Protein backbone atom coordinates (compact mmCIF):
# COMPACT_ATOMS: atom_id res chain seq x y z
CA MET A 1 47.73 -35.16 -3.06
CA ARG A 2 49.85 -36.47 -0.18
CA PRO A 3 51.51 -39.84 -0.20
CA ALA A 4 49.58 -42.80 1.15
CA LEU A 5 50.18 -46.68 2.18
CA SER A 6 49.50 -47.59 -1.42
CA ASN A 7 51.66 -45.02 -2.94
CA SER A 8 54.53 -43.78 -0.60
CA LYS A 9 55.95 -41.23 -3.28
CA GLY A 10 52.61 -39.55 -3.78
CA PHE A 11 50.07 -39.15 -6.38
CA ASN A 12 51.35 -35.92 -8.16
CA GLU A 13 47.62 -34.75 -8.63
CA SER A 14 46.20 -31.46 -7.28
CA TRP A 15 43.63 -31.55 -4.79
CA SER A 16 41.67 -28.66 -6.43
CA ILE A 17 41.76 -30.30 -9.68
CA VAL A 18 40.45 -33.63 -8.22
CA ARG A 19 37.71 -31.80 -6.32
CA PHE A 20 36.62 -29.88 -9.49
CA ASN A 21 36.25 -33.17 -11.40
CA GLU A 22 34.35 -34.66 -8.44
CA SER A 23 31.94 -31.79 -8.71
CA ILE A 24 31.26 -32.63 -12.46
CA PHE A 25 30.88 -36.26 -11.40
CA SER A 26 28.35 -35.13 -8.85
CA GLU A 27 26.21 -33.22 -11.47
CA ILE A 28 26.15 -36.38 -13.56
CA GLY A 29 25.34 -38.74 -10.83
CA LEU A 30 28.82 -40.59 -10.77
CA THR A 31 31.60 -41.28 -8.53
CA TRP A 32 35.19 -42.02 -9.48
CA ASP A 33 34.41 -45.71 -9.09
CA SER A 34 31.09 -45.91 -11.18
CA VAL A 35 31.00 -49.06 -13.39
CA GLU A 36 28.81 -47.49 -15.91
CA PRO A 37 29.45 -44.96 -18.81
CA THR A 38 29.19 -41.40 -18.07
CA GLY A 39 25.83 -39.73 -18.85
CA LYS A 40 25.34 -38.12 -22.16
CA GLN A 41 25.16 -34.67 -20.78
CA ILE A 42 29.00 -34.53 -20.68
CA PHE A 43 28.72 -34.23 -24.55
CA LYS A 44 26.26 -31.31 -24.53
CA GLU A 45 27.58 -27.77 -24.92
CA SER A 46 25.27 -26.27 -22.60
CA PHE A 47 26.61 -28.70 -19.82
CA GLN A 48 30.06 -27.75 -20.71
CA LYS A 49 29.52 -24.20 -20.46
CA ARG A 50 28.25 -24.43 -17.03
CA PHE A 51 31.57 -25.53 -15.67
CA HIS A 52 33.71 -23.36 -18.13
CA SER A 53 34.50 -20.36 -15.85
CA ASP A 54 35.25 -22.61 -12.83
CA CYS A 55 37.60 -24.86 -15.06
CA LEU A 56 39.44 -21.65 -16.26
CA HIS A 57 39.90 -20.50 -12.61
CA CYS A 58 41.18 -23.90 -11.48
CA LEU A 59 43.78 -23.77 -14.13
CA ARG A 60 44.95 -20.33 -13.27
CA GLU A 61 44.97 -21.16 -9.73
CA ASN A 62 47.13 -24.20 -10.31
CA PHE A 63 49.33 -22.80 -12.96
CA PRO A 64 49.35 -18.90 -12.29
CA GLU A 65 52.79 -18.23 -13.48
CA SER A 66 52.72 -20.68 -16.47
CA ILE A 67 49.40 -19.48 -17.81
CA ASN A 68 50.08 -15.71 -17.37
CA GLU A 69 53.47 -15.93 -19.02
CA LYS A 70 52.17 -18.39 -21.60
CA SER A 71 54.82 -20.95 -20.53
CA GLU A 72 55.54 -23.57 -23.16
CA ALA A 73 53.90 -26.60 -21.28
CA ILE A 74 51.86 -27.43 -18.10
CA VAL A 75 51.17 -31.05 -17.12
CA LEU A 76 47.75 -32.35 -15.82
CA LYS A 77 47.31 -35.56 -14.26
CA ASP A 78 44.14 -37.11 -12.80
CA PRO A 79 42.38 -40.49 -13.76
CA ARG A 80 38.91 -38.53 -13.76
CA PHE A 81 40.12 -36.61 -16.80
CA CYS A 82 39.23 -39.87 -18.96
CA ARG A 83 35.61 -39.09 -18.05
CA THR A 84 35.59 -35.22 -17.73
CA PHE A 85 37.90 -34.20 -20.47
CA PRO A 86 35.50 -32.52 -22.75
CA ILE A 87 35.12 -29.83 -20.13
CA TRP A 88 38.93 -29.33 -19.85
CA LYS A 89 39.57 -29.45 -23.48
CA LYS A 90 37.50 -26.29 -24.16
CA ALA A 91 39.28 -24.45 -21.39
CA LEU A 92 42.78 -25.44 -22.42
CA ILE A 93 42.11 -24.47 -25.95
CA ASP A 94 40.57 -21.12 -24.84
CA LEU A 95 43.92 -20.64 -23.02
CA GLN A 96 45.62 -21.21 -26.51
CA TYR A 97 47.42 -24.23 -25.33
CA LYS A 98 48.20 -27.05 -27.76
CA VAL A 99 46.79 -30.22 -26.19
CA LYS A 100 48.79 -33.55 -26.20
CA ILE A 101 47.30 -36.45 -24.49
CA VAL A 102 49.15 -39.29 -22.82
CA ILE A 103 47.31 -42.23 -21.88
CA PRO A 104 48.99 -44.78 -19.36
CA LEU A 105 48.34 -48.38 -20.32
CA ARG A 106 48.16 -50.92 -17.40
CA SER A 107 46.86 -54.37 -17.65
CA PRO A 108 43.07 -54.43 -16.45
CA ILE A 109 43.75 -57.49 -14.35
CA ASP A 110 46.63 -55.76 -12.41
CA VAL A 111 44.33 -52.65 -11.93
CA MET A 112 41.65 -55.15 -10.83
CA TYR A 113 43.99 -56.61 -8.05
CA SER A 114 45.05 -53.24 -7.08
CA LEU A 115 41.55 -51.70 -6.46
CA MET A 116 40.41 -55.20 -4.76
CA LYS A 117 43.34 -54.78 -2.52
CA ARG A 118 43.20 -51.04 -1.80
CA ASP A 119 39.39 -50.38 -1.92
CA GLY A 120 37.69 -53.66 -1.44
CA ILE A 121 36.04 -53.43 -4.87
CA SER A 122 34.80 -56.56 -6.55
CA SER A 123 36.72 -58.03 -9.47
CA VAL A 124 34.01 -57.15 -11.90
CA SER A 125 33.55 -53.73 -10.81
CA ALA A 126 37.13 -53.16 -10.76
CA VAL A 127 37.57 -54.20 -14.37
CA LEU A 128 34.60 -52.04 -15.42
CA ILE A 129 36.20 -49.09 -13.86
CA TRP A 130 39.22 -49.62 -15.94
CA TYR A 131 37.23 -50.45 -18.97
CA TRP A 132 35.17 -47.29 -18.82
CA HIS A 133 38.01 -44.91 -18.12
CA ILE A 134 39.90 -46.24 -21.13
CA VAL A 135 37.09 -46.25 -23.52
CA GLU A 136 35.79 -42.92 -22.67
CA ILE A 137 39.38 -41.14 -23.06
CA LEU A 138 39.70 -42.73 -26.62
CA VAL A 139 36.30 -41.47 -27.34
CA HIS A 140 36.77 -37.91 -25.90
CA THR A 141 40.07 -37.56 -27.60
CA GLU A 142 39.35 -38.87 -31.01
CA GLY A 143 41.12 -37.00 -33.86
CA MET A 144 43.69 -35.45 -31.21
CA GLU A 145 47.29 -36.01 -30.68
CA VAL A 146 47.33 -39.08 -28.15
CA SER A 147 50.27 -41.39 -27.25
CA PHE A 148 50.27 -44.45 -25.18
CA VAL A 149 52.66 -45.10 -22.31
CA SER A 150 52.90 -48.63 -21.14
CA TYR A 151 53.07 -49.06 -17.29
CA ASP A 152 55.17 -52.43 -17.46
CA ARG A 153 57.48 -51.00 -20.16
CA LEU A 154 58.07 -47.85 -18.34
CA LEU A 155 58.97 -49.68 -15.07
CA ASP A 156 61.38 -52.11 -17.02
CA LYS A 157 63.14 -49.52 -19.04
CA PRO A 158 62.10 -46.12 -18.16
CA ARG A 159 64.73 -44.21 -20.44
CA GLU A 160 64.14 -46.32 -23.50
CA HIS A 161 60.47 -46.48 -23.27
CA MET A 162 59.93 -42.49 -22.75
CA GLN A 163 62.15 -42.18 -26.05
CA ILE A 164 60.13 -44.56 -28.03
CA SER A 165 56.57 -43.63 -26.76
CA LEU A 166 57.03 -39.72 -26.40
CA GLY A 167 60.29 -38.79 -27.92
CA ILE A 168 61.41 -37.54 -24.53
CA GLN A 169 65.06 -37.88 -23.23
CA ILE A 170 65.22 -38.29 -19.38
CA ASN A 171 68.06 -37.82 -17.18
CA ASP A 172 69.24 -39.95 -14.27
CA ASP A 173 67.27 -38.04 -11.60
CA VAL A 174 64.00 -38.60 -13.31
CA GLU A 175 64.82 -42.27 -14.20
CA SER A 176 65.54 -42.70 -10.47
CA MET A 177 62.07 -41.76 -9.68
CA VAL A 178 60.77 -44.89 -11.32
CA ASP A 179 60.47 -47.33 -8.46
CA LYS A 180 59.54 -51.04 -9.38
CA LYS A 181 58.82 -51.70 -5.77
CA LEU A 182 55.48 -49.64 -5.93
CA ASN A 183 54.10 -52.17 -8.39
CA HIS A 184 51.95 -54.05 -5.67
CA SER A 185 49.58 -55.81 -8.01
CA LYS A 186 51.44 -57.79 -10.77
CA THR A 187 49.99 -60.83 -12.24
CA ASN A 188 52.61 -63.08 -13.86
CA ASN A 189 50.43 -64.41 -16.77
CA VAL A 190 47.06 -62.68 -17.59
CA SER A 191 46.26 -65.76 -20.06
CA ASP A 192 46.72 -68.34 -17.15
CA GLN A 193 43.68 -66.67 -15.12
CA ILE A 194 40.60 -68.90 -15.18
CA PHE A 195 38.10 -66.25 -15.60
CA ILE A 196 39.71 -64.57 -18.67
CA ASP A 197 37.20 -65.83 -20.98
CA ASP A 198 34.26 -64.29 -19.11
CA GLU A 199 33.01 -60.78 -19.35
CA PRO A 200 33.91 -57.98 -18.64
CA PHE A 201 37.38 -59.48 -18.39
CA HIS A 202 37.68 -60.77 -21.89
CA SER A 203 36.77 -57.48 -23.49
CA SER A 204 38.91 -55.43 -21.28
CA VAL A 205 42.15 -57.79 -21.89
CA LEU A 206 41.29 -57.77 -25.70
CA LEU A 207 41.23 -53.95 -25.71
CA TYR A 208 44.27 -53.56 -23.60
CA GLU A 209 46.37 -55.93 -25.64
CA ASN A 210 45.20 -54.12 -28.93
CA LEU A 211 46.16 -50.72 -27.56
CA LEU A 212 49.50 -52.02 -26.12
CA ASN A 213 50.67 -52.84 -29.67
CA SER A 214 49.82 -49.61 -31.23
CA PRO A 215 52.00 -46.41 -30.45
CA VAL A 216 48.82 -44.33 -30.99
CA PRO A 217 45.09 -45.06 -31.25
CA ASP A 218 43.97 -46.72 -34.32
CA THR A 219 41.28 -44.92 -36.19
CA GLN A 220 39.28 -47.97 -37.31
CA SER A 221 39.46 -49.42 -33.65
CA VAL A 222 38.40 -46.11 -32.03
CA ALA A 223 35.57 -45.86 -34.56
CA ALA A 224 34.49 -49.41 -33.47
CA ILE A 225 34.89 -48.63 -29.59
CA LYS A 226 32.85 -45.43 -30.12
CA ARG A 227 29.93 -47.18 -31.84
CA ASN A 228 29.73 -49.75 -29.05
CA TYR A 229 30.21 -46.98 -26.48
CA PHE A 230 27.08 -45.02 -27.55
CA PHE A 231 25.09 -48.23 -27.83
CA GLN A 232 25.83 -48.75 -24.21
CA HIS A 233 24.60 -45.47 -23.65
CA VAL A 234 21.15 -46.25 -25.54
CA LEU A 235 20.93 -49.41 -23.41
CA LYS A 236 21.43 -47.22 -20.28
CA THR A 237 18.95 -44.60 -21.32
CA ASN A 238 16.32 -47.16 -22.25
CA ILE A 239 16.55 -48.93 -18.92
CA GLU A 240 16.41 -45.60 -16.92
CA ARG A 241 13.35 -44.51 -18.80
CA LYS A 242 11.49 -47.91 -18.42
CA SER A 243 9.24 -47.01 -21.53
CA SER A 244 7.44 -50.24 -22.89
CA VAL A 245 7.55 -48.54 -26.47
CA LEU A 246 11.22 -47.80 -26.45
CA GLN A 247 12.18 -51.23 -25.02
CA ASN A 248 10.27 -53.11 -27.46
CA ARG A 249 12.02 -51.41 -30.21
CA LEU A 250 15.47 -51.75 -28.62
CA ILE A 251 14.92 -55.35 -28.11
CA LYS A 252 13.86 -55.90 -31.71
CA GLU A 253 17.16 -54.06 -32.86
CA ILE A 254 19.11 -56.10 -30.41
CA SER A 255 17.71 -59.25 -31.69
CA ILE A 256 18.93 -58.54 -35.02
CA LEU A 257 22.52 -58.01 -33.63
CA ASN A 258 22.84 -60.91 -31.38
CA GLY A 259 20.87 -63.54 -33.34
CA LEU A 260 18.51 -64.35 -30.42
CA PRO A 261 14.77 -64.70 -30.52
CA GLU A 262 12.88 -61.42 -29.26
CA ARG A 263 11.37 -63.56 -26.47
CA GLU A 264 14.86 -64.60 -25.19
CA ASN A 265 15.91 -61.04 -25.01
CA LYS A 266 12.88 -59.87 -23.24
CA LYS A 267 13.49 -62.55 -20.70
CA ARG A 268 16.85 -61.24 -20.13
CA PHE A 269 15.90 -57.82 -20.15
CA LYS A 270 13.35 -58.52 -17.30
CA SER A 271 15.87 -60.27 -15.34
CA GLY A 272 18.28 -57.27 -15.30
CA GLU A 273 20.66 -58.63 -17.94
CA PHE A 274 21.74 -56.42 -20.84
CA PRO A 275 19.94 -58.20 -23.74
CA ILE A 276 23.03 -58.50 -26.03
CA ARG A 277 26.20 -60.87 -25.80
CA ASN A 278 29.78 -59.35 -26.15
CA ILE A 279 30.32 -58.29 -29.64
CA SER A 280 34.07 -57.83 -30.43
CA MET A 281 35.38 -54.78 -32.41
CA ASN A 282 36.21 -57.12 -35.43
CA GLU A 283 32.78 -58.67 -35.24
CA LEU A 284 31.24 -55.13 -35.41
CA ASP A 285 33.21 -54.23 -38.61
CA ASN A 286 32.58 -57.39 -40.16
CA GLN A 287 28.84 -57.09 -39.71
CA LYS A 288 28.82 -53.59 -41.00
CA ASN A 289 30.83 -54.54 -43.88
CA GLU A 290 28.51 -57.45 -44.73
CA GLY A 291 25.62 -55.27 -44.43
CA LYS A 292 24.02 -57.06 -41.57
CA SER A 293 23.93 -54.07 -39.28
CA VAL A 294 24.52 -51.01 -41.54
CA GLY A 295 22.81 -48.01 -39.93
CA ILE A 296 21.32 -49.89 -36.99
CA PHE A 297 23.93 -48.32 -34.27
CA GLU A 298 23.41 -44.98 -36.01
CA LYS A 299 19.65 -45.02 -35.89
CA LEU A 300 19.37 -46.37 -32.36
CA CYS A 301 21.79 -43.82 -30.98
CA LYS A 302 20.31 -40.97 -32.66
CA PHE A 303 16.74 -42.29 -31.79
CA PHE A 304 17.55 -42.42 -28.13
CA MET A 305 20.18 -39.94 -27.60
CA GLU A 306 18.19 -36.99 -29.08
CA ARG A 307 14.80 -37.59 -27.06
């Protein structure tokens, strides 16, 4: 992709890979800036097979010499991978590559300001875009070799951070490519923002801070994120179907989770709100350990996702 006003050094992304990812989005009914979780079809083997041959072709087209000669490494970069990764994963494994995932971590508030400035996206939508990208790549890469790279730490001390985060030593030429002037949307202190206790800002900042303090994804945290992720799928599926039977069952289970009367959740549901308050990862784990929600997530997800 060519340089732009927002990134004068270019994006280092392939147009053909971007277009292929966009074609996957189109089949699901999403765009790069969708503020909802990817459809459940991305997890289905039949859906992944539909794109498999085209994905292999796309890789061979972009890396003809590397793939034919079994080069030690190829590098793929596109934010859309966060949501389409299951399709690419199978293709890369079939080409006998050992897949290593590097997840860049940038403050959701900085990303919010960047998207607001560049694309005119609202603050809530911008943060939700960040949130679903991070959540989905964590879900899609569970159990794989994953490392985090901090955007701020990379700008501050590129040589040191690459050594610490990825075990890579970079030379002067590579280090000189890191330009702090390209950071156009930097907040001084996230905690000073007046909206930080509201959703979806609170959950996004909490997730960011938890990940920032870990060199690799924490197994328990990812498990909690995954439960909440699939629960959001359940909510989305139920709303799309508009089935009174499914709705009543969902509201009953949600009432157990959020402690509100069923009539209150029904009012919220009719008004278009998700009838569940924010439940933190720690809260989910505590409820499960105390036996309050054992099986609820699993049963609900299975009930809705398999129908």
